[in-house]
């Protein structure tokens, strides 16, 4: 008898940490998903954040719309499962450029940098600061991605749709 997978769909600001038997789905534009997977315990999680950092902290609750809060949620989940962050493998997805830059706009270079690029930089920085090995990154470019994370084996399937080729030019690739 074939076992059904538990299907979890993440939207911007969602977070999931679960065990084998769960598949986590999301759609990314400029947002980023970090996937963490423990190869021995077959547990892991995925976040879907929209912004790299929360600059004002009026509310002390964790908000997974922000990369730094997602990392705190990962730390809590890892601790709850009596494991350590360095035991996990990481994969990073998203950070697509959804709009063309306006070169003549009167803004400085930091403001001009697309939010997707800032989100990817935050993911790499947070993971490296925690000593987590980044196995795969499928980031940037003009377009969006559908991804599916299978917690049983750590595989992530990516379907990339370029913005400039909205016809039949999308690609599907498995990332192990």
N, C-alpha and C. Protein backbone atom coordinates (compact mmCIF):
# COMPACT_ATOMS: atom_id res chain seq x y z
N UNK A 1 0.84 -1.18 0.00
CA UNK A 1 0.00 0.00 0.00
C UNK A 1 0.89 1.24 0.00
N UNK A 2 0.65 2.14 -0.92
CA UNK A 2 1.44 3.35 -1.03
C UNK A 2 0.99 4.37 0.01
N UNK A 3 1.98 4.97 0.68
CA UNK A 3 1.69 5.95 1.72
C UNK A 3 1.52 7.33 1.11
N UNK A 4 0.51 8.04 1.52
CA UNK A 4 0.28 9.41 1.04
C UNK A 4 1.21 10.37 1.77
N UNK A 5 1.65 11.38 1.04
CA UNK A 5 2.46 12.43 1.64
C UNK A 5 1.56 13.50 2.25
N UNK A 6 2.01 14.05 3.34
CA UNK A 6 1.37 15.24 3.89
C UNK A 6 1.86 16.41 3.04
N UNK A 7 0.96 17.20 2.50
CA UNK A 7 1.30 18.31 1.62
C UNK A 7 1.11 19.62 2.39
N UNK A 8 2.18 20.41 2.46
CA UNK A 8 2.13 21.70 3.13
C UNK A 8 2.45 22.76 2.09
N UNK A 9 1.62 23.79 2.02
CA UNK A 9 1.85 24.88 1.07
C UNK A 9 2.23 26.12 1.88
N UNK A 10 3.40 26.67 1.54
CA UNK A 10 3.87 27.88 2.21
C UNK A 10 3.60 29.10 1.35
N UNK A 11 3.14 30.16 1.99
CA UNK A 11 3.00 31.47 1.37
C UNK A 11 4.04 32.38 2.00
N UNK A 12 4.19 33.58 1.50
CA UNK A 12 5.15 34.52 2.08
C UNK A 12 4.85 34.68 3.57
N UNK A 13 5.87 34.53 4.39
CA UNK A 13 5.71 34.65 5.83
C UNK A 13 5.35 33.35 6.51
N UNK A 14 5.49 32.22 5.82
CA UNK A 14 5.19 30.91 6.41
C UNK A 14 6.47 30.13 6.68
N UNK A 15 6.35 29.18 7.60
CA UNK A 15 7.48 28.37 8.04
C UNK A 15 6.96 26.97 8.37
N UNK A 16 7.74 25.95 8.02
CA UNK A 16 7.35 24.57 8.32
C UNK A 16 8.60 23.77 8.68
N UNK A 17 8.52 22.96 9.72
CA UNK A 17 9.59 22.03 10.09
C UNK A 17 8.90 20.72 10.42
N UNK A 18 9.27 19.62 9.74
CA UNK A 18 8.53 18.38 9.88
C UNK A 18 9.46 17.20 9.64
N UNK A 19 8.86 16.02 9.48
CA UNK A 19 9.63 14.78 9.30
C UNK A 19 9.27 14.12 7.97
N UNK A 20 9.93 12.99 7.70
CA UNK A 20 9.68 12.24 6.47
C UNK A 20 8.19 12.00 6.31
N UNK A 21 7.74 12.03 5.07
CA UNK A 21 6.31 11.89 4.79
C UNK A 21 5.65 13.21 4.47
N UNK A 22 6.42 14.29 4.58
CA UNK A 22 5.90 15.63 4.31
C UNK A 22 6.56 16.19 3.06
N UNK A 23 5.77 16.80 2.21
CA UNK A 23 6.28 17.57 1.08
C UNK A 23 5.82 19.00 1.24
N UNK A 24 6.78 19.92 1.12
CA UNK A 24 6.50 21.34 1.32
C UNK A 24 6.60 22.04 -0.04
N UNK A 25 5.54 22.78 -0.41
CA UNK A 25 5.44 23.45 -1.71
C UNK A 25 5.41 24.96 -1.50
N UNK A 26 5.99 25.69 -2.46
CA UNK A 26 5.84 27.15 -2.45
C UNK A 26 6.13 27.72 -3.82
N UNK A 27 5.76 28.97 -4.00
CA UNK A 27 6.00 29.73 -5.23
C UNK A 27 6.79 30.97 -4.83
N UNK A 28 7.94 31.18 -5.48
CA UNK A 28 8.83 32.28 -5.12
C UNK A 28 9.05 33.24 -6.28
N UNK A 29 8.99 34.52 -5.98
CA UNK A 29 9.42 35.57 -6.91
C UNK A 29 10.68 36.16 -6.31
N UNK A 30 10.56 37.35 -5.73
CA UNK A 30 11.71 37.96 -5.05
C UNK A 30 11.91 37.40 -3.65
N UNK A 31 10.91 36.68 -3.15
CA UNK A 31 11.05 36.02 -1.84
C UNK A 31 12.08 34.90 -1.94
N UNK A 32 12.53 34.44 -0.79
CA UNK A 32 13.52 33.37 -0.71
C UNK A 32 13.03 32.29 0.22
N UNK A 33 13.34 31.05 -0.14
CA UNK A 33 13.13 29.90 0.75
C UNK A 33 14.48 29.30 1.09
N UNK A 34 14.68 29.10 2.38
CA UNK A 34 15.82 28.33 2.86
C UNK A 34 15.26 26.97 3.24
N UNK A 35 15.93 25.92 2.77
CA UNK A 35 15.56 24.55 3.13
C UNK A 35 16.70 23.99 3.97
N UNK A 36 16.38 23.47 5.14
CA UNK A 36 17.36 22.77 5.98
C UNK A 36 16.91 21.32 6.11
N UNK A 37 17.87 20.40 5.97
CA UNK A 37 17.54 18.97 6.03
C UNK A 37 18.63 18.22 6.79
N UNK A 38 18.18 17.34 7.69
CA UNK A 38 19.09 16.50 8.47
C UNK A 38 19.10 15.11 7.82
N UNK A 39 20.23 14.71 7.19
CA UNK A 39 20.25 13.46 6.42
C UNK A 39 20.11 12.18 7.25
N UNK A 40 20.47 12.21 8.51
CA UNK A 40 20.36 11.00 9.32
C UNK A 40 18.98 10.86 9.97
N UNK A 41 18.46 11.95 10.45
CA UNK A 41 17.16 11.93 11.14
C UNK A 41 15.98 12.06 10.18
N UNK A 42 16.26 12.46 8.94
CA UNK A 42 15.22 12.69 7.93
C UNK A 42 14.14 13.65 8.45
N UNK A 43 14.63 14.77 8.97
CA UNK A 43 13.76 15.86 9.40
C UNK A 43 14.28 17.13 8.72
N UNK A 44 13.44 18.12 8.63
CA UNK A 44 13.91 19.36 8.04
C UNK A 44 12.79 20.37 7.93
N UNK A 45 13.17 21.52 7.42
CA UNK A 45 12.20 22.58 7.32
C UNK A 45 12.46 23.51 6.17
N UNK A 46 11.47 24.34 5.93
CA UNK A 46 11.56 25.34 4.87
C UNK A 46 10.84 26.60 5.34
N UNK A 47 11.42 27.74 4.99
CA UNK A 47 10.77 29.02 5.26
C UNK A 47 10.55 29.72 3.94
N UNK A 48 9.68 30.72 3.95
CA UNK A 48 9.40 31.54 2.77
C UNK A 48 9.33 32.98 3.28
N UNK A 49 10.45 33.69 3.13
CA UNK A 49 10.46 35.06 3.65
C UNK A 49 10.48 36.09 2.53
N UNK A 50 9.97 37.28 2.85
CA UNK A 50 9.80 38.35 1.88
C UNK A 50 10.86 39.44 2.01
N UNK A 51 11.41 39.60 3.21
CA UNK A 51 12.36 40.68 3.46
C UNK A 51 13.55 40.16 4.27
N UNK A 52 14.73 40.75 4.08
CA UNK A 52 15.92 40.21 4.74
C UNK A 52 15.95 40.41 6.26
N UNK A 53 15.59 41.60 6.73
CA UNK A 53 15.70 41.87 8.16
C UNK A 53 14.55 42.75 8.62
N UNK A 54 14.18 42.55 9.87
CA UNK A 54 13.17 43.42 10.48
C UNK A 54 13.93 44.51 11.23
N UNK A 55 13.72 45.74 10.84
CA UNK A 55 14.49 46.84 11.42
C UNK A 55 13.88 47.36 12.71
N UNK A 56 12.58 47.26 12.85
CA UNK A 56 11.93 47.71 14.08
C UNK A 56 11.34 46.51 14.79
N UNK A 57 11.51 46.44 16.08
CA UNK A 57 11.07 45.28 16.86
C UNK A 57 10.05 45.69 17.92
N UNK A 58 8.89 46.20 17.49
CA UNK A 58 7.83 46.53 18.44
C UNK A 58 7.24 45.26 19.03
N UNK A 59 7.16 44.25 18.21
CA UNK A 59 6.56 42.98 18.60
C UNK A 59 7.68 41.94 18.75
N UNK A 60 7.76 41.28 19.87
CA UNK A 60 8.85 40.33 20.12
C UNK A 60 8.59 38.96 19.52
N UNK A 61 7.37 38.72 19.01
CA UNK A 61 7.07 37.43 18.39
C UNK A 61 7.86 37.29 17.09
N UNK A 62 8.22 36.05 16.77
CA UNK A 62 8.93 35.77 15.53
C UNK A 62 7.98 35.95 14.35
N UNK A 63 8.50 36.55 13.29
CA UNK A 63 7.71 36.78 12.09
C UNK A 63 8.49 36.23 10.90
N UNK A 64 8.09 35.08 10.36
CA UNK A 64 8.84 34.48 9.26
C UNK A 64 8.73 35.21 7.92
N UNK A 65 8.21 36.43 7.93
CA UNK A 65 8.31 37.27 6.73
C UNK A 65 9.72 37.82 6.59
N UNK A 66 10.54 37.68 7.65
CA UNK A 66 11.89 38.23 7.68
C UNK A 66 12.91 37.11 7.85
N UNK A 67 14.02 37.19 7.09
CA UNK A 67 15.04 36.14 7.08
C UNK A 67 15.63 35.90 8.47
N UNK A 68 15.93 36.96 9.20
CA UNK A 68 16.56 36.77 10.51
C UNK A 68 15.62 36.07 11.49
N UNK A 69 14.33 36.35 11.42
CA UNK A 69 13.38 35.64 12.28
C UNK A 69 13.23 34.18 11.86
N UNK A 70 13.33 33.91 10.55
CA UNK A 70 13.29 32.51 10.09
C UNK A 70 14.46 31.72 10.67
N UNK A 71 15.64 32.33 10.70
CA UNK A 71 16.79 31.63 11.26
C UNK A 71 16.57 31.33 12.75
N UNK A 72 15.95 32.24 13.46
CA UNK A 72 15.63 31.99 14.87
C UNK A 72 14.64 30.84 15.00
N UNK A 73 13.65 30.78 14.11
CA UNK A 73 12.69 29.67 14.13
C UNK A 73 13.38 28.34 13.82
N UNK A 74 14.31 28.34 12.85
CA UNK A 74 15.08 27.13 12.57
C UNK A 74 15.86 26.69 13.82
N UNK A 75 16.49 27.62 14.49
CA UNK A 75 17.27 27.29 15.70
C UNK A 75 16.36 26.65 16.76
N UNK A 76 15.18 27.19 16.94
CA UNK A 76 14.24 26.63 17.92
C UNK A 76 13.81 25.21 17.53
N UNK A 77 13.51 25.00 16.24
CA UNK A 77 13.09 23.67 15.78
C UNK A 77 14.20 22.65 15.92
N UNK A 78 15.41 23.04 15.56
CA UNK A 78 16.57 22.16 15.66
C UNK A 78 16.81 21.77 17.12
N UNK A 79 16.72 22.72 18.00
CA UNK A 79 16.90 22.45 19.43
C UNK A 79 15.80 21.52 19.96
N UNK A 80 14.58 21.75 19.54
CA UNK A 80 13.45 20.92 19.96
C UNK A 80 13.64 19.46 19.52
N UNK A 81 14.33 19.25 18.40
CA UNK A 81 14.59 17.90 17.89
C UNK A 81 15.93 17.34 18.37
N UNK A 82 16.55 18.04 19.33
CA UNK A 82 17.81 17.61 19.94
C UNK A 82 18.90 17.37 18.89
N UNK A 83 19.00 18.29 17.95
CA UNK A 83 20.04 18.26 16.94
C UNK A 83 20.75 19.62 16.95
N UNK A 84 21.74 19.78 16.06
CA UNK A 84 22.50 21.02 15.98
C UNK A 84 22.49 21.53 14.54
N UNK A 85 22.51 22.83 14.37
CA UNK A 85 22.43 23.43 13.04
C UNK A 85 23.51 22.92 12.09
N UNK A 86 24.73 22.73 12.58
CA UNK A 86 25.81 22.31 11.69
C UNK A 86 25.61 20.89 11.14
N UNK A 87 24.65 20.13 11.67
CA UNK A 87 24.35 18.79 11.18
C UNK A 87 23.44 18.82 9.94
N UNK A 88 22.89 19.97 9.64
CA UNK A 88 21.92 20.11 8.55
C UNK A 88 22.61 20.55 7.26
N UNK A 89 21.97 20.22 6.15
CA UNK A 89 22.38 20.68 4.82
C UNK A 89 21.38 21.74 4.39
N UNK A 90 21.90 22.78 3.75
CA UNK A 90 21.03 23.88 3.34
C UNK A 90 20.94 23.98 1.82
N UNK A 91 19.79 24.44 1.36
CA UNK A 91 19.54 24.78 -0.03
C UNK A 91 18.79 26.11 -0.03
N UNK A 92 19.11 26.96 -1.00
CA UNK A 92 18.53 28.30 -1.05
C UNK A 92 17.90 28.51 -2.43
N UNK A 93 16.68 29.05 -2.44
CA UNK A 93 15.93 29.23 -3.67
C UNK A 93 15.24 30.59 -3.69
N UNK A 94 15.06 31.14 -4.88
CA UNK A 94 14.28 32.37 -5.04
C UNK A 94 15.15 33.59 -5.28
N UNK A 95 14.68 34.71 -4.79
CA UNK A 95 15.40 35.96 -4.96
C UNK A 95 15.39 36.46 -6.39
N UNK A 96 14.33 36.10 -7.11
CA UNK A 96 14.23 36.53 -8.51
C UNK A 96 14.02 38.03 -8.61
N UNK A 97 14.52 38.59 -9.70
CA UNK A 97 14.27 40.00 -9.99
C UNK A 97 12.95 40.07 -10.72
N UNK A 98 11.98 40.71 -10.11
CA UNK A 98 10.64 40.75 -10.68
C UNK A 98 10.38 42.02 -11.48
N UNK A 99 11.27 43.00 -11.39
CA UNK A 99 11.10 44.26 -12.11
C UNK A 99 12.45 44.71 -12.64
N UNK A 100 12.42 45.38 -13.74
CA UNK A 100 13.65 45.95 -14.29
C UNK A 100 14.03 47.17 -13.45
N UNK A 101 15.34 47.39 -13.30
CA UNK A 101 15.82 48.55 -12.54
C UNK A 101 15.55 49.84 -13.32
N UNK A 102 15.27 50.90 -12.58
CA UNK A 102 15.12 52.21 -13.16
C UNK A 102 16.44 52.95 -12.95
N UNK A 103 17.28 52.94 -13.96
CA UNK A 103 18.64 53.48 -13.83
C UNK A 103 18.66 55.00 -13.60
N UNK A 104 17.66 55.71 -14.04
CA UNK A 104 17.68 57.17 -13.94
C UNK A 104 17.00 57.67 -12.66
N UNK A 105 16.53 56.78 -11.84
CA UNK A 105 15.86 57.20 -10.61
C UNK A 105 16.88 57.83 -9.66
N UNK A 106 16.51 58.88 -8.96
CA UNK A 106 17.45 59.58 -8.06
C UNK A 106 17.58 58.85 -6.70
N UNK A 107 18.10 57.64 -6.73
CA UNK A 107 18.31 56.88 -5.50
C UNK A 107 19.72 56.33 -5.49
N UNK A 108 20.23 56.03 -4.29
CA UNK A 108 21.60 55.53 -4.22
C UNK A 108 21.64 54.03 -4.56
N UNK A 109 22.85 53.49 -4.69
CA UNK A 109 23.02 52.10 -5.11
C UNK A 109 22.39 51.10 -4.14
N UNK A 110 22.42 51.37 -2.86
CA UNK A 110 21.84 50.45 -1.88
C UNK A 110 20.34 50.36 -2.07
N UNK A 111 19.69 51.50 -2.27
CA UNK A 111 18.25 51.50 -2.50
C UNK A 111 17.89 50.88 -3.84
N UNK A 112 18.76 50.99 -4.82
CA UNK A 112 18.50 50.49 -6.16
C UNK A 112 18.59 48.97 -6.21
N UNK A 113 19.34 48.35 -5.33
CA UNK A 113 19.52 46.90 -5.35
C UNK A 113 18.16 46.22 -5.18
N UNK A 114 17.82 45.28 -6.07
CA UNK A 114 16.52 44.61 -5.97
C UNK A 114 16.36 43.83 -4.66
N UNK A 115 15.13 43.78 -4.16
CA UNK A 115 14.86 43.11 -2.89
C UNK A 115 15.23 41.63 -2.97
N UNK A 116 15.05 41.02 -4.14
CA UNK A 116 15.42 39.62 -4.29
C UNK A 116 16.89 39.39 -4.02
N UNK A 117 17.71 40.29 -4.52
CA UNK A 117 19.16 40.20 -4.30
C UNK A 117 19.49 40.37 -2.82
N UNK A 118 18.83 41.31 -2.16
CA UNK A 118 19.04 41.51 -0.71
C UNK A 118 18.61 40.26 0.06
N UNK A 119 17.52 39.63 -0.36
CA UNK A 119 17.03 38.42 0.31
C UNK A 119 18.03 37.27 0.18
N UNK A 120 18.61 37.12 -1.00
CA UNK A 120 19.61 36.06 -1.21
C UNK A 120 20.84 36.32 -0.37
N UNK A 121 21.32 37.55 -0.34
CA UNK A 121 22.48 37.89 0.48
C UNK A 121 22.22 37.57 1.95
N UNK A 122 21.02 37.86 2.42
CA UNK A 122 20.67 37.56 3.82
C UNK A 122 20.73 36.06 4.08
N UNK A 123 20.20 35.26 3.16
CA UNK A 123 20.22 33.80 3.33
C UNK A 123 21.65 33.29 3.44
N UNK A 124 22.50 33.69 2.49
CA UNK A 124 23.89 33.23 2.52
C UNK A 124 24.60 33.66 3.79
N UNK A 125 24.40 34.91 4.18
CA UNK A 125 25.05 35.44 5.38
C UNK A 125 24.61 34.70 6.64
N UNK A 126 23.30 34.52 6.80
CA UNK A 126 22.77 33.84 7.99
C UNK A 126 23.25 32.39 8.06
N UNK A 127 23.24 31.69 6.93
CA UNK A 127 23.67 30.29 6.92
C UNK A 127 25.17 30.16 7.20
N UNK A 128 25.96 31.01 6.58
CA UNK A 128 27.41 30.95 6.80
C UNK A 128 27.76 31.31 8.24
N UNK A 129 27.06 32.28 8.82
CA UNK A 129 27.31 32.65 10.21
C UNK A 129 27.02 31.50 11.18
N UNK A 130 26.13 30.60 10.80
CA UNK A 130 25.78 29.46 11.65
C UNK A 130 26.60 28.21 11.30
N UNK A 131 27.47 28.31 10.31
CA UNK A 131 28.30 27.17 9.93
C UNK A 131 27.53 26.06 9.23
N UNK A 132 26.48 26.42 8.52
CA UNK A 132 25.65 25.44 7.82
C UNK A 132 26.13 25.33 6.38
N UNK A 133 26.37 24.12 5.93
CA UNK A 133 26.83 23.86 4.57
C UNK A 133 25.70 24.16 3.58
N UNK A 134 26.00 25.00 2.60
CA UNK A 134 25.04 25.30 1.53
C UNK A 134 25.36 24.38 0.37
N UNK A 135 24.47 23.45 0.10
CA UNK A 135 24.70 22.47 -0.97
C UNK A 135 24.31 23.00 -2.34
N UNK A 136 23.20 23.72 -2.40
CA UNK A 136 22.63 24.15 -3.68
C UNK A 136 22.03 25.54 -3.51
N UNK A 137 22.17 26.35 -4.56
CA UNK A 137 21.47 27.63 -4.61
C UNK A 137 20.94 27.81 -6.03
N UNK A 138 19.66 28.06 -6.13
CA UNK A 138 19.02 28.35 -7.42
C UNK A 138 18.32 29.69 -7.21
N UNK A 139 19.06 30.77 -7.51
CA UNK A 139 18.62 32.12 -7.11
C UNK A 139 18.81 33.11 -8.25
N UNK A 140 18.16 34.28 -8.07
CA UNK A 140 18.33 35.39 -8.98
C UNK A 140 17.58 35.22 -10.29
N UNK A 141 18.05 35.91 -11.31
CA UNK A 141 17.46 35.93 -12.65
C UNK A 141 16.09 36.62 -12.63
N UNK A 142 15.57 36.88 -13.81
CA UNK A 142 14.25 37.50 -13.94
C UNK A 142 13.22 36.38 -14.10
N UNK A 143 12.49 36.09 -13.04
CA UNK A 143 11.49 35.05 -13.11
C UNK A 143 11.08 34.56 -11.73
N UNK A 144 10.26 33.52 -11.74
CA UNK A 144 9.80 32.95 -10.48
C UNK A 144 10.00 31.44 -10.49
N UNK A 145 9.89 30.84 -9.30
CA UNK A 145 10.14 29.41 -9.13
C UNK A 145 9.03 28.76 -8.33
N UNK A 146 8.65 27.58 -8.76
CA UNK A 146 7.83 26.69 -7.94
C UNK A 146 8.80 25.67 -7.37
N UNK A 147 8.72 25.43 -6.07
CA UNK A 147 9.61 24.43 -5.49
C UNK A 147 8.82 23.47 -4.61
N UNK A 148 9.33 22.25 -4.54
CA UNK A 148 8.75 21.20 -3.70
C UNK A 148 9.91 20.55 -2.95
N UNK A 149 9.82 20.52 -1.64
CA UNK A 149 10.81 19.92 -0.76
C UNK A 149 10.23 18.64 -0.19
N UNK A 150 10.92 17.51 -0.42
CA UNK A 150 10.52 16.22 0.13
C UNK A 150 11.38 15.94 1.36
N UNK A 151 10.77 16.01 2.53
CA UNK A 151 11.52 15.87 3.78
C UNK A 151 12.10 14.46 3.93
N UNK A 152 11.53 13.47 3.28
CA UNK A 152 12.02 12.09 3.41
C UNK A 152 13.44 11.92 2.89
N UNK A 153 13.79 12.62 1.80
CA UNK A 153 15.11 12.41 1.21
C UNK A 153 15.89 13.71 0.98
N UNK A 154 15.32 14.84 1.33
CA UNK A 154 16.01 16.12 1.18
C UNK A 154 16.00 16.68 -0.23
N UNK A 155 15.35 15.99 -1.17
CA UNK A 155 15.29 16.48 -2.55
C UNK A 155 14.39 17.71 -2.65
N UNK A 156 14.79 18.61 -3.53
CA UNK A 156 13.98 19.78 -3.84
C UNK A 156 13.83 19.85 -5.35
N UNK A 157 12.60 19.93 -5.81
CA UNK A 157 12.31 20.07 -7.23
C UNK A 157 12.01 21.53 -7.51
N UNK A 158 12.60 22.03 -8.60
CA UNK A 158 12.47 23.44 -8.96
C UNK A 158 11.91 23.54 -10.37
N UNK A 159 10.91 24.38 -10.54
CA UNK A 159 10.40 24.72 -11.87
C UNK A 159 10.56 26.23 -12.01
N UNK A 160 11.45 26.64 -12.90
CA UNK A 160 11.75 28.06 -13.10
C UNK A 160 11.00 28.58 -14.31
N UNK A 161 10.36 29.74 -14.15
CA UNK A 161 9.63 30.41 -15.23
C UNK A 161 10.23 31.79 -15.44
N UNK A 162 10.99 31.98 -16.52
CA UNK A 162 11.54 33.32 -16.79
C UNK A 162 10.43 34.32 -17.07
N UNK A 163 10.62 35.55 -16.65
CA UNK A 163 9.62 36.60 -16.91
C UNK A 163 9.60 37.01 -18.37
N UNK A 164 10.74 36.99 -19.03
CA UNK A 164 10.78 37.46 -20.41
C UNK A 164 10.35 36.39 -21.41
N UNK A 165 10.09 35.19 -20.95
CA UNK A 165 9.65 34.11 -21.83
C UNK A 165 8.45 33.42 -21.19
N UNK A 166 7.35 34.08 -21.14
CA UNK A 166 6.19 33.57 -20.42
C UNK A 166 5.46 32.47 -21.18
N UNK A 167 5.99 32.04 -22.30
CA UNK A 167 5.35 30.97 -23.08
C UNK A 167 5.71 29.60 -22.53
N UNK A 168 6.13 28.71 -23.41
CA UNK A 168 6.41 27.33 -23.04
C UNK A 168 7.88 27.11 -22.72
N UNK A 169 8.60 28.12 -22.30
CA UNK A 169 10.04 28.02 -22.12
C UNK A 169 10.44 27.71 -20.68
N UNK A 170 9.54 27.26 -19.83
CA UNK A 170 9.93 27.02 -18.45
C UNK A 170 10.74 25.73 -18.36
N UNK A 171 11.49 25.60 -17.29
CA UNK A 171 12.33 24.42 -17.12
C UNK A 171 12.00 23.75 -15.79
N UNK A 172 12.16 22.45 -15.76
CA UNK A 172 11.93 21.68 -14.55
C UNK A 172 13.19 20.91 -14.25
N UNK A 173 13.70 21.05 -13.05
CA UNK A 173 14.91 20.32 -12.71
C UNK A 173 14.85 19.84 -11.29
N UNK A 174 15.42 18.69 -11.05
CA UNK A 174 15.51 18.16 -9.70
C UNK A 174 16.83 18.55 -9.10
N UNK A 175 16.82 18.97 -7.87
CA UNK A 175 18.04 19.34 -7.16
C UNK A 175 18.16 18.42 -5.97
N UNK A 176 19.16 17.59 -5.96
CA UNK A 176 19.32 16.62 -4.86
C UNK A 176 20.08 17.18 -3.70
